[in-house]
C-alpha atoms as a PDB file:
ATOM      1  CA  PRO A   1      18.762 -10.351   8.730  1.00  0.00           C
ATOM      2  CA  LEU A   2      16.352  -9.589   6.325  1.00  0.00           C
ATOM      3  CA  LEU A   3      13.663  -7.077   6.286  1.00  0.00           C
ATOM      4  CA  LEU A   4      10.629  -7.882   4.443  1.00  0.00           C
ATOM      5  CA  ALA A   5       8.320  -4.887   3.988  1.00  0.00           C
ATOM      6  CA  GLY A   6       5.442  -6.303   1.728  1.00  0.00           C
ATOM      7  CA  LEU A   7       1.692  -5.692   1.473  1.00  0.00           C
ATOM      8  CA  LEU A   8      -0.560  -8.987   1.762  1.00  0.00           C
ATOM      9  CA  GLY A   9      -4.050  -7.459   1.036  1.00  0.00           C
ATOM     10  CA  GLY A  10      -6.040  -6.333  -2.148  1.00  0.00           C
ATOM     11  CA  ALA A  11      -8.334  -4.141  -3.957  1.00  0.00           C
ATOM     12  CA  GLY A  12     -11.511  -5.531  -2.423  1.00  0.00           C
ATOM     13  CA  PRO A  13     -12.808  -8.793  -3.327  1.00  0.00           C
ATOM     14  CA  ARG A  14      -9.961  -9.205  -5.923  1.00  0.00           C
ATOM     15  CA  ALA A  15      -7.301  -9.923  -2.899  1.00  0.00           C
ATOM     16  CA  ALA A  16      -4.835  -8.986  -5.041  1.00  0.00           C
ATOM     17  CA  LEU A  17      -1.105  -8.508  -3.675  1.00  0.00           C
ATOM     18  CA  ALA A  18      -0.978  -4.749  -3.289  1.00  0.00           C
ATOM     19  CA  ARG A  19       2.315  -3.616  -5.376  1.00  0.00           C
ATOM     20  CA  LYS A  20       4.518  -0.709  -4.534  1.00  0.00           C
ATOM     21  CA  ARG A  21       5.019   1.625  -7.579  1.00  0.00           C
ATOM     22  CA  GLY A  22       8.630   2.958  -7.985  1.00  0.00           C
ATOM     23  CA  GLU A  23       9.180   4.229  -4.317  1.00  0.00           C
ATOM     24  CA  ALA A  24      12.651   4.185  -2.680  1.00  0.00           C
ATOM     25  CA  SER A  25      12.784   2.556   0.947  1.00  0.00           C
ATOM     26  CA  VAL A  26      14.467   5.701   2.517  1.00  0.00           C
ATOM     27  CA  PRO A  27      11.775   8.785   2.131  1.00  0.00           C
ATOM     28  CA  GLN A  28      13.021  11.753  -0.046  1.00  0.00           C
ATOM     29  CA  ARG A  29      14.043  15.191   1.571  1.00  0.00           C
ATOM     30  CA  ALA A  30      11.317  17.167   3.177  1.00  0.00           C
ATOM     31  CA  PRO A  31      10.091  19.808   0.418  1.00  0.00           C
ATOM     32  CA  ASP A  32      11.438  22.854   0.609  1.00  0.00           C
ATOM     33  CA  LEU A  33       8.625  25.504   0.067  1.00  0.00           C
ATOM     34  CA  ALA A  34      11.347  28.252  -1.020  1.00  0.00           C
ATOM     35  CA  ASP A  35      12.445  26.163  -3.701  1.00  0.00           C
ATOM     36  CA  GLN A  36       8.898  27.158  -5.349  1.00  0.00           C
ATOM     37  CA  PRO A  37       8.470  29.958  -7.844  1.00  0.00           C
ATOM     38  CA  PRO A  38       6.546  33.103  -6.505  1.00  0.00           C
ATOM     39  CA  SER A  39       2.875  32.928  -6.978  1.00  0.00           C
ATOM     40  CA  ASP A  40       3.095  35.927  -9.474  1.00  0.00           C
ATOM     41  CA  SER A  41       5.601  33.770 -11.693  1.00  0.00           C
ATOM     42  CA  LEU A  42       4.442  30.734 -11.925  1.00  0.00           C
ATOM     43  CA  SER A  43       4.787  29.141 -15.108  1.00  0.00           C
ATOM     44  CA  LEU A  44       3.181  25.759 -14.540  1.00  0.00           C
ATOM     45  CA  ARG A  45      -0.422  25.619 -12.845  1.00  0.00           C
ATOM     46  CA  PHE A  46      -2.473  22.473 -11.878  1.00  0.00           C
ATOM     47  CA  GLU A  47      -6.089  21.972 -13.131  1.00  0.00           C
ATOM     48  CA  GLY A  48      -8.366  18.985 -12.023  1.00  0.00           C
ATOM     49  CA  THR A  49      -8.653  16.959  -9.026  1.00  0.00           C
ATOM     50  CA  ASP A  50      -7.048  17.865  -5.974  1.00  0.00           C
ATOM     51  CA  PHE A  51      -5.154  15.296  -3.983  1.00  0.00           C
ATOM     52  CA  GLU A  52      -7.261  15.178  -1.046  1.00  0.00           C
ATOM     53  CA  PHE A  53      -7.863  11.301  -0.894  1.00  0.00           C
ATOM     54  CA  GLY A  54     -10.387  10.721   2.053  1.00  0.00           C
ATOM     55  CA  LYS A  55     -10.674   7.799   4.134  1.00  0.00           C
ATOM     56  CA  ARG A  56      -9.611   4.741   2.358  1.00  0.00           C
ATOM     57  CA  PRO A  57      -9.420   1.142   3.519  1.00  0.00           C
ATOM     58  CA  LEU A  58      -5.602  -0.471   4.116  1.00  0.00           C
ATOM     59  CA  CYS A  59      -4.088  -1.777   1.085  1.00  0.00           C
ATOM     60  CA  GLU A  60      -7.199  -0.578  -1.089  1.00  0.00           C
ATOM     61  CA  ALA A  61      -5.094   1.543  -3.741  1.00  0.00           C
ATOM     62  CA  VAL A  62      -6.997   4.820  -5.344  1.00  0.00           C
ATOM     63  CA  PHE A  63      -5.657   6.976  -8.012  1.00  0.00           C
ATOM     64  CA  ALA A  64      -6.000  10.859  -8.568  1.00  0.00           C
ATOM     65  CA  ARG A  65      -5.038  12.149 -11.800  1.00  0.00           C
ATOM     66  CA  THR A  66      -4.541  15.971 -12.137  1.00  0.00           C
ATOM     67  CA  GLU A  67      -3.567  18.095 -15.439  1.00  0.00           C
ATOM     68  CA  MET A  68      -0.147  20.157 -15.511  1.00  0.00           C
ATOM     69  CA  LEU A  69      -0.602  23.434 -17.971  1.00  0.00           C
ATOM     70  CA  ASN A  70       2.169  25.458 -19.395  1.00  0.00           C
ATOM     71  CA  ALA A  71       0.694  29.050 -18.600  1.00  0.00           C
ATOM     72  CA  GLY A  72       3.809  30.610 -19.678  1.00  0.00           C
ATOM     73  CA  SER A  73       5.053  32.003 -22.876  1.00  0.00           C
ATOM     74  CA  VAL A  74       8.257  29.744 -23.290  1.00  0.00           C
ATOM     75  CA  ASP A  75       8.856  26.153 -23.377  1.00  0.00           C
ATOM     76  CA  LEU A  76       8.627  24.759 -20.163  1.00  0.00           C
ATOM     77  CA  GLU A  77      10.831  21.661 -19.173  1.00  0.00           C
ATOM     78  CA  VAL A  78       9.290  19.151 -16.766  1.00  0.00           C
ATOM     79  CA  LEU A  79      12.152  17.361 -15.314  1.00  0.00           C
ATOM     80  CA  SER A  80      10.434  14.612 -12.500  1.00  0.00           C
ATOM     81  CA  VAL A  81       7.523  14.296 -10.535  1.00  0.00           C
ATOM     82  CA  SER A  82       8.342  12.609  -6.838  1.00  0.00           C
ATOM     83  CA  THR A  83       6.442  12.236  -3.605  1.00  0.00           C
ATOM     84  CA  ASP A  84       7.925  12.197  -0.104  1.00  0.00           C
ATOM     85  CA  ASN A  85       5.864   9.346   1.474  1.00  0.00           C
ATOM     86  CA  VAL A  86       5.713   5.702   0.843  1.00  0.00           C
ATOM     87  CA  HIS A  87       1.847   6.011   1.431  1.00  0.00           C
ATOM     88  CA  PHE A  88       1.470   7.928  -1.981  1.00  0.00           C
ATOM     89  CA  HIS A  89       2.934   7.069  -5.194  1.00  0.00           C
ATOM     90  CA  GLY A  90       4.013   9.145  -8.301  1.00  0.00           C
ATOM     91  CA  PRO A  91       4.118   8.163 -11.942  1.00  0.00           C
ATOM     92  CA  GLN A  92       6.906   6.535 -13.841  1.00  0.00           C
ATOM     93  CA  PHE A  93       7.719   9.728 -14.922  1.00  0.00           C
ATOM     94  CA  LYS A  94       9.999  10.789 -17.986  1.00  0.00           C
ATOM     95  CA  PRO A  95      11.006  14.244 -18.747  1.00  0.00           C
ATOM     96  CA  ILE A  96       9.160  16.091 -21.325  1.00  0.00           C
ATOM     97  CA  THR A  97       8.998  19.493 -22.551  1.00  0.00           C
ATOM     98  CA  LEU A  98       5.981  21.615 -23.225  1.00  0.00           C
ATOM     99  CA  SER A  99       5.401  24.160 -25.561  1.00  0.00           C
ATOM    100  CA  PRO A 100       2.936  27.251 -24.312  1.00  0.00           C
ATOM    101  CA  GLY A 101      -0.530  26.571 -23.556  1.00  0.00           C
ATOM    102  CA  ALA A 102       0.489  22.316 -23.529  1.00  0.00           C
ATOM    103  CA  ARG A 103      -0.870  20.243 -21.307  1.00  0.00           C
ATOM    104  CA  VAL A 104       0.292  16.670 -19.627  1.00  0.00           C
ATOM    105  CA  ASN A 105      -1.664  14.626 -17.031  1.00  0.00           C
ATOM    106  CA  ILE A 106      -0.421  12.922 -14.288  1.00  0.00           C
ATOM    107  CA  SER A 107      -1.699  10.435 -11.837  1.00  0.00           C
ATOM    108  CA  VAL A 108      -0.919   9.889  -8.065  1.00  0.00           C
ATOM    109  CA  LEU A 109      -1.708   6.448  -6.169  1.00  0.00           C
ATOM    110  CA  PHE A 110      -2.625   6.650  -2.663  1.00  0.00           C
ATOM    111  CA  LEU A 111      -2.325   2.999  -0.866  1.00  0.00           C
ATOM    112  CA  PRO A 112      -2.676   3.397   2.912  1.00  0.00           C
ATOM    113  CA  ARG A 113      -0.234   1.107   4.985  1.00  0.00           C
ATOM    114  CA  LEU A 114      -1.211   2.390   8.459  1.00  0.00           C
ATOM    115  CA  LEU A 115      -4.549   3.245   9.980  1.00  0.00           C
ATOM    116  CA  GLY A 116      -4.895   7.031  10.562  1.00  0.00           C
ATOM    117  CA  PRO A 117      -4.116  10.576   8.365  1.00  0.00           C
ATOM    118  CA  VAL A 118      -1.157  10.805   6.199  1.00  0.00           C
ATOM    119  CA  ASN A 119       0.389  13.696   4.736  1.00  0.00           C
ATOM    120  CA  SER A 120       2.744  14.314   1.900  1.00  0.00           C
ATOM    121  CA  THR A 121       3.933  16.711  -0.927  1.00  0.00           C
ATOM    122  CA  MET A 122       4.528  16.306  -4.886  1.00  0.00           C
ATOM    123  CA  ARG A 123       7.451  18.186  -6.070  1.00  0.00           C
ATOM    124  CA  VAL A 124       7.168  18.658 -10.148  1.00  0.00           C
ATOM    125  CA  SER A 125      10.927  19.840 -10.740  1.00  0.00           C
ATOM    126  CA  THR A 126      11.151  21.932 -13.652  1.00  0.00           C
ATOM    127  CA  SER A 127      13.411  24.603 -15.973  1.00  0.00           C
ATOM    128  CA  THR A 128      11.407  27.085 -13.869  1.00  0.00           C
ATOM    129  CA  GLY A 129      11.996  25.593 -10.197  1.00  0.00           C
ATOM    130  CA  VAL A 130       9.935  23.447  -8.348  1.00  0.00           C
ATOM    131  CA  TYR A 131       6.159  23.502  -7.916  1.00  0.00           C
ATOM    132  CA  VAL A 132       4.697  21.612  -4.738  1.00  0.00           C
ATOM    133  CA  ARG A 133       1.248  20.417  -4.388  1.00  0.00           C
ATOM    134  CA  THR A 134       0.172  18.692  -1.104  1.00  0.00           C
ATOM    135  CA  MET A 135      -1.463  15.426  -0.709  1.00  0.00           C
ATOM    136  CA  THR A 136      -3.812  14.016   2.124  1.00  0.00           C
ATOM    137  CA  GLY A 137      -5.571  10.933   2.935  1.00  0.00           C
ATOM    138  CA  HIS A 138      -6.534   8.761   5.749  1.00  0.00           C
ATOM    139  CA  GLY A 139      -6.353   4.708   6.370  1.00  0.00           C
ATOM    140  CA  VAL A 140      -9.073   2.856   7.937  1.00  0.00           C
ATOM    141  CA  GLU A 141      -9.794  -0.817   8.534  1.00  0.00           C
ATOM    142  CA  SER A 142     -10.335  -2.651   5.763  1.00  0.00           C
ATOM    143  CA  PRO A 143     -14.169  -4.390   5.937  1.00  0.00           C
ATOM    144  CA  TYR A 144     -12.107  -7.339   4.273  1.00  0.00           C
ATOM    145  CA  ARG A 145      -9.726  -7.511   7.137  1.00  0.00           C
ATOM    146  CA  VAL A 146      -6.465  -7.196   4.862  1.00  0.00           C
ATOM    147  CA  ALA A 147      -3.315  -5.528   6.315  1.00  0.00           C
ATOM    148  CA  PRO A 148      -0.192  -4.673   5.234  1.00  0.00           C
ATOM    149  CA  LEU A 149       2.720  -7.140   6.464  1.00  0.00           C
ATOM    150  CA  LEU A 150       5.489  -4.852   7.679  1.00  0.00           C
ATOM    151  CA  GLY A 151       8.613  -4.935   9.244  1.00  0.00           C
ATOM    152  CA  VAL A 152       8.885  -8.576   9.359  1.00  0.00           C
ATOM    153  CA  ARG A 153      12.644  -9.616   9.606  1.00  0.00           C
ATOM    154  CA  VAL A 154      13.436 -13.041   8.032  1.00  0.00           C
ATOM    155  CA  PRO A 155      16.565 -14.535   8.015  1.00  0.00           C
ATOM    156  CA  VAL A 156      18.363 -15.323   4.935  1.00  0.00           C
ATOM    157  CA  GLU A 157      17.492 -18.426   3.438  1.00  0.00           C
ATOM    158  CA  ALA A 158      14.485 -18.944   5.517  1.00  0.00           C
ATOM    159  CA  SER A 159      11.412 -19.508   4.107  1.00  0.00           C
ATOM    160  CA  PHE A 160       8.674 -17.039   5.227  1.00  0.00           C
ATOM    161  CA  ARG A 161       5.027 -18.070   4.287  1.00  0.00           C
ATOM    162  CA  PRO A 162       2.464 -15.894   5.716  1.00  0.00           C
ATOM    163  CA  PRO A 163      -1.217 -16.531   4.539  1.00  0.00           C
ATOM    164  CA  ILE A 164      -3.393 -14.547   2.480  1.00  0.00           C
ATOM    165  CA  ARG A 165      -6.774 -14.125   4.805  1.00  0.00           C
ATOM    166  CA  ILE A 166      -9.976 -12.581   3.460  1.00  0.00           C
ATOM    167  CA  PHE A 167     -13.102 -12.023   5.540  1.00  0.00           C
ATOM    168  CA  ASN A 168     -16.640 -11.654   3.587  1.00  0.00           C
ATOM    169  CA  PRO A 169     -18.276  -8.482   5.338  1.00  0.00           C
ATOM    170  CA  HIS A 170     -21.562  -9.336   3.351  1.00  0.00           C
ATOM    171  CA  VAL A 171     -24.517 -10.843   4.876  1.00  0.00           C
ATOM    172  CA  ALA A 172     -26.479 -12.149   2.029  1.00  0.00           C
ATOM    173  CA  GLU A 173     -24.091 -13.058  -0.511  1.00  0.00           C
ATOM    174  CA  HIS A 174     -20.594 -14.925  -0.814  1.00  0.00           C
ATOM    175  CA  LEU A 175     -17.561 -13.440  -1.663  1.00  0.00           C
ATOM    176  CA  ALA A 176     -15.936 -14.176  -5.163  1.00  0.00           C
ATOM    177  CA  VAL A 177     -12.192 -14.012  -5.339  1.00  0.00           C
ATOM    178  CA  LYS A 178     -10.904 -14.047  -8.888  1.00  0.00           C
ATOM    179  CA  GLU A 179      -7.377 -13.753  -8.832  1.00  0.00           C
ATOM    180  CA  ILE A 180      -4.697 -13.735  -6.663  1.00  0.00           C
ATOM    181  CA  TYR A 181      -1.089 -12.461  -7.939  1.00  0.00           C
ATOM    182  CA  THR A 182       2.165 -11.518  -7.422  1.00  0.00           C
ATOM    183  CA  SER A 183       4.689 -10.037 -10.333  1.00  0.00           C
ATOM    184  CA  GLU A 184       7.626  -9.791  -7.760  1.00  0.00           C
ATOM    185  CA  SER A 185      10.593 -11.967  -8.285  1.00  0.00           C
ATOM    186  CA  PHE A 186      11.264 -12.626  -4.964  1.00  0.00           C
ATOM    187  CA  MET A 187       8.222 -14.448  -4.021  1.00  0.00           C
ATOM    188  CA  HIS A 188       5.490 -16.734  -5.119  1.00  0.00           C
ATOM    189  CA  LEU A 189       2.187 -18.062  -4.327  1.00  0.00           C
ATOM    190  CA  ALA A 190       1.296 -21.514  -2.855  1.00  0.00           C
ATOM    191  CA  MET A 191      -1.732 -23.219  -2.029  1.00  0.00           C
ATOM    192  CA  PRO A 192      -2.980 -23.317   1.662  1.00  0.00           C
ATOM    193  CA  ASP A 193      -1.931 -26.592   2.572  1.00  0.00           C
ATOM    194  CA  GLY A 194       1.592 -25.677   1.772  1.00  0.00           C
ATOM    195  CA  ASP A 195       1.886 -27.523  -1.606  1.00  0.00           C
ATOM    196  CA  ASP A 196       4.106 -25.111  -4.089  1.00  0.00           C
ATOM    197  CA  GLY A 197       2.282 -26.833  -7.079  1.00  0.00           C
ATOM    198  CA  HIS A 198      -0.678 -25.553  -9.436  1.00  0.00           C
ATOM    199  CA  PHE A 199      -3.789 -24.560  -8.044  1.00  0.00           C
ATOM    200  CA  SER A 200      -6.127 -27.008  -7.998  1.00  0.00           C
ATOM    201  CA  PRO A 201      -9.791 -26.819  -8.710  1.00  0.00           C
ATOM    202  CA  ASP A 202     -10.683 -27.886  -5.387  1.00  0.00           C
ATOM    203  CA  ALA A 203      -8.470 -25.082  -3.753  1.00  0.00           C
ATOM    204  CA  GLN A 204     -10.199 -22.527  -5.733  1.00  0.00           C
ATOM    205  CA  LYS A 205     -13.330 -23.328  -4.637  1.00  0.00           C
ATOM    206  CA  ARG A 206     -12.186 -21.879  -1.311  1.00  0.00           C
ATOM    207  CA  TRP A 207     -12.340 -18.730  -2.931  1.00  0.00           C
ATOM    208  CA  ARG A 208     -16.104 -18.379  -2.636  1.00  0.00           C
ATOM    209  CA  VAL A 209     -15.979 -17.064   0.849  1.00  0.00           C
ATOM    210  CA  PRO A 210     -19.607 -17.579   2.699  1.00  0.00           C
ATOM    211  CA  PRO A 211     -21.179 -14.507   4.590  1.00  0.00           C
ATOM    212  CA  GLY A 212     -19.692 -13.539   7.602  1.00  0.00           C
ATOM    213  CA  GLU A 213     -16.984 -16.012   7.154  1.00  0.00           C
ATOM    214  CA  ALA A 214     -12.736 -15.715   6.877  1.00  0.00           C
ATOM    215  CA  ARG A 215     -10.797 -18.085   4.725  1.00  0.00           C
ATOM    216  CA  VAL A 216      -7.102 -18.799   3.813  1.00  0.00           C
ATOM    217  CA  LEU A 217      -7.062 -18.719   0.149  1.00  0.00           C
ATOM    218  CA  ALA A 218      -2.943 -18.968  -0.302  1.00  0.00           C
ATOM    219  CA  ARG A 219      -0.049 -18.328   1.035  1.00  0.00           C
ATOM    220  CA  VAL A 220       3.006 -16.262  -0.230  1.00  0.00           C
ATOM    221  CA  VAL A 221       6.335 -18.018  -0.351  1.00  0.00           C
ATOM    222  CA  PHE A 222       9.216 -15.566   0.470  1.00  0.00           C
ATOM    223  CA  ARG A 223      12.918 -16.638   0.759  1.00  0.00           C
ATOM    224  CA  ALA A 224      15.960 -14.560  -0.133  1.00  0.00           C
ATOM    225  CA  SER A 225      19.454 -15.597  -0.887  1.00  0.00           C
ATOM    226  CA  SER A 226      20.978 -12.199   0.318  1.00  0.00           C
ATOM    227  CA  SER A 227      19.973  -9.461   2.747  1.00  0.00           C
ATOM    228  CA  GLY A 228      18.304  -6.193   2.008  1.00  0.00           C
ATOM    229  CA  THR A 229      15.083  -4.644   2.278  1.00  0.00           C
ATOM    230  CA  TYR A 230      12.252  -6.077  -0.167  1.00  0.00           C
ATOM    231  CA  TRP A 231       9.164  -4.367  -0.860  1.00  0.00           C
ATOM    232  CA  GLY A 232       6.133  -6.187  -2.470  1.00  0.00           C
END
């Protein structure tokens, strides 16, 4: 059978399809703190924001940025940056060489998929060892009532068409949804009534959600010709 692990939700009123960025479906090995160089020989220093993301609604992404500094006296090769938890997504990092005193910025995305606290580590592999940073976050209910769609099993060649639904929590104003999109090749969007054609002006009127109401804005159409795990 096919295991579909997608995220149906969005960053607030955009109601976009949350997109997974570069994470593997199998978690990386747990960090071995013994790999980290001793504190008195650190060549790589982190400056700027701590990776403490606090409470974030499900399916709403937030970025944090930090700066890596070569505090040593010789060139430092930064080989890779990785995370060990699917809630946190590191940059698509290419190996670089930092001369003494040189800096580089890296960003990490936190996209909560489950309720409750989440802990993770970021591992920076360099020519002098592996440096580890701790990351924390906490998933809470979305005020727009969007939630991940996880662990759904769909037979090969079967069509799966879950709705994209959003709730307007505001008491005195309409919620205008501007865009719904996906860039994944294995699924596309359809109108709420099931028509796979182009979105009509009448359908787009549904994207203006009155206060206190929930509406189905569109549907995701998923169909796979081969078994496997899909993230999107």
